[in-house]
C-alpha atoms as a PDB file:
ATOM      1  CA  MET A   1     101.557  98.026  91.048  1.00  0.00           C
ATOM      2  CA  SER A   2     102.117  99.590  94.425  1.00  0.00           C
ATOM      3  CA  GLY A   3      98.836 100.233  96.244  1.00  0.00           C
ATOM      4  CA  THR A   4      96.735  98.053  93.956  1.00  0.00           C
ATOM      5  CA  ASP A   5      95.103  94.664  94.300  1.00  0.00           C
ATOM      6  CA  ALA A   6      95.647  92.576  91.173  1.00  0.00           C
ATOM      7  CA  SER A   7      94.272  89.337  92.611  1.00  0.00           C
ATOM      8  CA  CYS A   8      91.703  87.348  90.630  1.00  0.00           C
ATOM      9  CA  ASN A   9      92.815  88.566  87.210  1.00  0.00           C
ATOM     10  CA  SER A  10      93.296  86.266  84.233  1.00  0.00           C
ATOM     11  CA  TRP A  11      97.048  86.911  84.180  1.00  0.00           C
ATOM     12  CA  ASN A  12      97.690  85.670  87.707  1.00  0.00           C
ATOM     13  CA  LEU A  13      95.243  82.795  88.173  1.00  0.00           C
ATOM     14  CA  GLY A  14      97.475  80.130  86.661  1.00  0.00           C
ATOM     15  CA  ILE A  15      95.004  79.559  83.811  1.00  0.00           C
ATOM     16  CA  THR A  16      96.365  79.021  80.325  1.00  0.00           C
ATOM     17  CA  LEU A  17      94.377  81.013  77.794  1.00  0.00           C
ATOM     18  CA  SER A  18      93.750  79.534  74.374  1.00  0.00           C
ATOM     19  CA  ASP A  19      91.225  79.833  71.571  1.00  0.00           C
ATOM     20  CA  ALA A  20      89.529  76.724  72.998  1.00  0.00           C
ATOM     21  CA  GLN A  21      88.391  78.754  76.039  1.00  0.00           C
ATOM     22  CA  PHE A  22      85.996  80.641  73.746  1.00  0.00           C
ATOM     23  CA  GLN A  23      83.157  79.763  71.377  1.00  0.00           C
ATOM     24  CA  GLY A  24      84.915  81.819  68.714  1.00  0.00           C
ATOM     25  CA  VAL A  25      87.768  84.251  68.307  1.00  0.00           C
ATOM     26  CA  SER A  26      87.251  85.224  64.680  1.00  0.00           C
ATOM     27  CA  THR A  27      87.433  88.838  63.622  1.00  0.00           C
ATOM     28  CA  SER A  28      84.826  88.311  60.908  1.00  0.00           C
ATOM     29  CA  GLY A  29      81.214  89.333  61.363  1.00  0.00           C
ATOM     30  CA  TRP A  30      81.834  92.378  63.565  1.00  0.00           C
ATOM     31  CA  ASP A  31      80.620  94.593  60.730  1.00  0.00           C
ATOM     32  CA  ALA A  32      77.335  92.684  60.313  1.00  0.00           C
ATOM     33  CA  ALA A  33      74.064  94.597  60.307  1.00  0.00           C
ATOM     34  CA  ARG A  34      72.379  95.280  63.623  1.00  0.00           C
ATOM     35  CA  GLN A  35      69.380  93.221  64.669  1.00  0.00           C
ATOM     36  CA  ALA A  36      65.832  94.468  64.059  1.00  0.00           C
ATOM     37  CA  ASP A  37      65.689  95.995  67.567  1.00  0.00           C
ATOM     38  CA  GLY A  38      68.947  97.889  66.972  1.00  0.00           C
ATOM     39  CA  SER A  39      71.118  95.666  69.143  1.00  0.00           C
ATOM     40  CA  LEU A  40      74.463  94.357  67.952  1.00  0.00           C
ATOM     41  CA  PRO A  41      74.558  91.137  65.941  1.00  0.00           C
ATOM     42  CA  ALA A  42      74.533  87.975  68.044  1.00  0.00           C
ATOM     43  CA  LEU A  43      78.022  86.545  67.551  1.00  0.00           C
ATOM     44  CA  PRO A  44      79.814  83.774  69.439  1.00  0.00           C
ATOM     45  CA  HIS A  45      83.078  85.728  69.408  1.00  0.00           C
ATOM     46  CA  LEU A  46      84.781  85.995  72.817  1.00  0.00           C
ATOM     47  CA  ARG A  47      81.914  84.209  74.583  1.00  0.00           C
ATOM     48  CA  LEU A  48      83.156  81.449  76.876  1.00  0.00           C
ATOM     49  CA  ALA A  49      82.959  77.834  75.747  1.00  0.00           C
ATOM     50  CA  ALA A  50      80.969  75.496  78.004  1.00  0.00           C
ATOM     51  CA  SER A  51      84.226  73.808  79.041  1.00  0.00           C
ATOM     52  CA  SER A  52      86.138  77.047  79.691  1.00  0.00           C
ATOM     53  CA  THR A  53      88.142  77.236  82.909  1.00  0.00           C
ATOM     54  CA  LEU A  54      87.303  80.975  83.038  1.00  0.00           C
ATOM     55  CA  ILE A  55      83.736  80.182  84.158  1.00  0.00           C
ATOM     56  CA  ASN A  56      83.123  81.073  87.835  1.00  0.00           C
ATOM     57  CA  LYS A  57      86.664  82.469  88.256  1.00  0.00           C
ATOM     58  CA  GLY A  58      85.736  86.130  88.812  1.00  0.00           C
ATOM     59  CA  VAL A  59      84.896  88.120  91.927  1.00  0.00           C
ATOM     60  CA  ASN A  60      81.456  89.402  92.884  1.00  0.00           C
ATOM     61  CA  VAL A  61      81.456  93.167  92.382  1.00  0.00           C
ATOM     62  CA  GLY A  62      77.693  93.547  92.699  1.00  0.00           C
ATOM     63  CA  LEU A  63      76.720  92.826  89.084  1.00  0.00           C
ATOM     64  CA  PRO A  64      74.396  89.933  88.216  1.00  0.00           C
ATOM     65  CA  TYR A  65      76.008  86.606  87.320  1.00  0.00           C
ATOM     66  CA  LEU A  66      75.170  82.928  86.946  1.00  0.00           C
ATOM     67  CA  GLY A  67      76.798  80.112  88.886  1.00  0.00           C
ATOM     68  CA  SER A  68      78.924  80.289  92.017  1.00  0.00           C
ATOM     69  CA  ALA A  69      80.937  83.353  90.933  1.00  0.00           C
ATOM     70  CA  PRO A  70      81.136  85.731  87.967  1.00  0.00           C
ATOM     71  CA  ASP A  71      82.925  84.524  84.849  1.00  0.00           C
ATOM     72  CA  LEU A  72      86.120  86.132  83.586  1.00  0.00           C
ATOM     73  CA  GLY A  73      85.704  87.801  80.230  1.00  0.00           C
ATOM     74  CA  ALA A  74      83.380  90.130  78.439  1.00  0.00           C
ATOM     75  CA  PHE A  75      80.274  87.947  78.755  1.00  0.00           C
ATOM     76  CA  GLU A  76      78.734  85.754  81.431  1.00  0.00           C
ATOM     77  CA  ALA A  77      78.370  82.182  80.140  1.00  0.00           C
ATOM     78  CA  SER A  78      74.810  80.929  79.895  1.00  0.00           C
END
């Protein structure tokens, strides 16, 4: 990793990842029909649980976020 900055990544923050960090981790439902407006189905999969320690653990890279810092993961917790 010479010449890179790997700080603030999930693998070096000392956070233990588990299914409990997320609202759901199921692989079912991904093939559901799209919503009426064409968007993907609204699924809880890989969205952070309210008690997740991944909330506010990211770094501001100029994208919108809620809270004191961006969340780690695919989705910002609401």
